[in-house]
Amino acid sequence: MQIEIDPDQLARAIERSAAELPNEACGLLLGTDHGDGRVVVERVEPTRNATREPAADTFEVHPEDFVRLDGLARELGLDVVGVWHSHPDSAAIPSRTDTERAWPGWSYLIVGRAAHSDVHARSWRLDATARFAEERLLAPRGAVAVAS
């Protein structure tokens, strides 16, 4: 499994993650799932975090933003292929809450340690056993974009 994201789009998620501190930032990944284990993300779109829990510990994509961005994806000939969010103080590894709320077939890009100088990004997808497996994160030319 691999996910390709333009470095400028990945930078949008990292910048938004810093801007939302101390809370988790979140958004949607718009692109194409080629069905062969390869996902290409064309746009990394921020959304409002609608969680009613402490926002530094979890996220929930605002439903209105989801509907709006799903419509935008369709207009652009793309699909919602996943979600991105930040972990302000912890690594880009899915938390228990992330795992419990994940949907099969979507990529989950996490910006880890967003409040620190060692910020990094990793992407995950649920496998057949409902456990997260890491996706290889690539820039369009094949180089690793950001890894921990």
Protein backbone atom coordinates (compact mmCIF):
# COMPACT_ATOMS: atom_id res chain seq x y z
CA MET A 1 0.00 0.00 0.00
CA GLN A 2 1.22 3.45 -0.85
CA ILE A 3 -0.11 6.96 -0.82
CA GLU A 4 1.20 9.74 -3.05
CA ILE A 5 0.80 13.32 -1.89
CA ASP A 6 2.25 16.43 -3.45
CA PRO A 7 4.71 17.96 -0.95
CA ASP A 8 2.90 21.34 -1.12
CA GLN A 9 -0.37 19.66 -0.16
CA LEU A 10 1.31 17.82 2.70
CA ALA A 11 2.74 21.14 3.85
CA ARG A 12 -0.84 22.49 4.06
CA ALA A 13 -1.72 19.81 6.61
CA ILE A 14 1.43 20.48 8.62
CA GLU A 15 0.85 24.26 8.60
CA ARG A 16 -2.81 23.86 9.61
CA SER A 17 -1.77 21.47 12.39
CA ALA A 18 0.51 24.14 13.83
CA ALA A 19 -2.17 26.82 13.48
CA GLU A 20 -4.73 24.78 15.43
CA LEU A 21 -2.49 24.09 18.44
CA PRO A 22 -3.08 23.08 21.16
CA ASN A 23 -6.02 21.27 19.52
CA GLU A 24 -5.95 18.53 16.92
CA ALA A 25 -6.45 19.77 13.38
CA CYS A 26 -8.30 17.65 10.84
CA GLY A 27 -9.50 17.48 7.28
CA LEU A 28 -10.12 15.32 4.25
CA LEU A 29 -7.93 13.84 1.55
CA LEU A 30 -9.32 14.25 -1.97
CA GLY A 31 -7.94 12.12 -4.76
CA THR A 32 -8.11 8.75 -6.47
CA ASP A 33 -7.89 5.24 -5.08
CA HIS A 34 -6.55 3.19 -7.97
CA GLY A 35 -7.69 -0.06 -6.37
CA ASP A 36 -4.25 -1.64 -6.63
CA GLY A 37 -2.97 -0.48 -3.26
CA ARG A 38 -2.07 2.97 -4.59
CA VAL A 39 -3.85 6.15 -3.53
CA VAL A 40 -3.04 9.50 -5.14
CA VAL A 41 -4.05 12.58 -3.13
CA GLU A 42 -4.63 15.71 -5.20
CA ARG A 43 -5.86 17.95 -2.38
CA VAL A 44 -5.42 18.07 1.38
CA GLU A 45 -8.40 20.05 2.66
CA PRO A 46 -8.78 21.37 6.22
CA THR A 47 -12.08 21.11 8.09
CA ARG A 48 -13.36 22.32 11.42
CA ASN A 49 -12.84 19.98 14.37
CA ALA A 50 -16.37 19.33 15.66
CA THR A 51 -15.47 17.09 18.58
CA ARG A 52 -17.28 17.57 21.88
CA GLU A 53 -14.41 15.90 23.71
CA PRO A 54 -11.18 17.69 24.65
CA ALA A 55 -10.00 18.83 21.23
CA ALA A 56 -6.34 18.26 22.13
CA ASP A 57 -7.04 14.54 22.37
CA THR A 58 -9.35 13.74 19.47
CA PHE A 59 -10.96 15.03 16.32
CA GLU A 60 -14.21 14.82 14.41
CA VAL A 61 -14.56 16.21 10.90
CA HIS A 62 -17.40 18.72 10.97
CA PRO A 63 -20.37 17.21 9.08
CA GLU A 64 -21.07 20.39 7.09
CA ASP A 65 -17.44 20.49 5.96
CA PHE A 66 -17.61 16.83 4.97
CA VAL A 67 -20.66 17.43 2.78
CA ARG A 68 -19.08 20.53 1.21
CA LEU A 69 -15.78 18.80 0.45
CA ASP A 70 -17.46 15.63 -0.83
CA GLY A 71 -19.30 17.86 -3.31
CA LEU A 72 -16.07 19.62 -4.26
CA ALA A 73 -14.38 16.28 -4.84
CA ARG A 74 -17.17 15.19 -7.17
CA GLU A 75 -16.97 18.49 -9.08
CA LEU A 76 -13.23 17.90 -9.57
CA GLY A 77 -13.69 14.25 -10.62
CA LEU A 78 -12.11 13.05 -7.38
CA ASP A 79 -13.25 11.10 -4.32
CA VAL A 80 -12.79 11.48 -0.59
CA VAL A 81 -10.02 8.91 -0.12
CA GLY A 82 -9.25 9.55 3.52
CA VAL A 83 -8.87 11.76 6.52
CA TRP A 84 -5.91 13.65 7.94
CA HIS A 85 -5.47 14.87 11.48
CA SER A 86 -2.75 15.92 13.88
CA HIS A 87 -1.37 14.66 17.14
CA PRO A 88 -0.03 17.78 18.88
CA ASP A 89 2.29 15.99 21.30
CA SER A 90 2.50 12.38 20.19
CA ALA A 91 3.89 10.43 17.25
CA ALA A 92 2.03 9.90 13.99
CA ILE A 93 0.79 6.50 15.11
CA PRO A 94 -2.96 5.79 15.33
CA SER A 95 -4.37 6.06 18.82
CA ARG A 96 -6.94 3.67 20.20
CA THR A 97 -9.63 6.26 19.41
CA ASP A 98 -8.30 6.60 15.85
CA THR A 99 -8.55 2.84 15.40
CA GLU A 100 -12.05 2.60 16.87
CA ARG A 101 -13.40 5.35 14.59
CA ALA A 102 -11.62 4.43 11.34
CA TRP A 103 -13.43 3.32 8.19
CA PRO A 104 -12.08 0.49 6.05
CA GLY A 105 -10.77 1.52 2.65
CA TRP A 106 -9.68 5.02 3.65
CA SER A 107 -6.20 6.41 4.20
CA TYR A 108 -5.48 8.08 7.54
CA LEU A 109 -2.69 10.64 7.33
CA ILE A 110 -1.44 11.72 10.75
CA VAL A 111 0.78 14.74 11.40
CA GLY A 112 2.68 13.76 14.54
CA ARG A 113 4.26 15.97 17.18
CA ALA A 114 2.75 19.03 15.53
CA ALA A 115 3.73 21.20 18.52
CA HIS A 116 7.39 20.22 18.32
CA SER A 117 10.39 20.63 16.06
CA ASP A 118 10.36 16.94 15.10
CA VAL A 119 6.98 17.14 13.35
CA HIS A 120 6.46 14.22 10.96
CA ALA A 121 3.71 12.57 8.93
CA ARG A 122 2.73 8.96 8.36
CA SER A 123 -0.26 7.36 6.69
CA TRP A 124 -2.25 4.30 7.72
CA ARG A 125 -5.06 2.08 6.42
CA LEU A 126 -7.13 -0.61 8.10
CA ASP A 127 -6.16 -4.09 6.95
CA ALA A 128 -8.46 -7.12 6.64
CA THR A 129 -8.20 -7.73 10.41
CA ALA A 130 -9.31 -4.15 11.25
CA ARG A 131 -5.80 -3.18 12.37
CA PHE A 132 -3.89 -0.26 10.99
CA ALA A 133 -1.10 -1.03 8.51
CA GLU A 134 1.26 1.73 7.49
CA GLU A 135 1.08 3.02 3.93
CA ARG A 136 4.25 4.05 2.17
CA LEU A 137 4.12 7.85 1.93
CA LEU A 138 5.53 9.11 -1.36
CA ALA A 139 6.05 12.37 -3.19
CA PRO A 140 5.00 12.26 -6.87
CA ARG A 141 8.51 11.48 -8.05
CA GLY A 142 8.88 8.51 -5.70
CA ALA A 143 10.87 10.06 -2.87
CA VAL A 144 9.66 9.71 0.69
CA ALA A 145 7.89 12.98 1.47
CA VAL A 146 7.95 12.94 5.28
CA ALA A 147 8.60 9.99 7.55
CA SER A 148 9.43 9.37 11.14
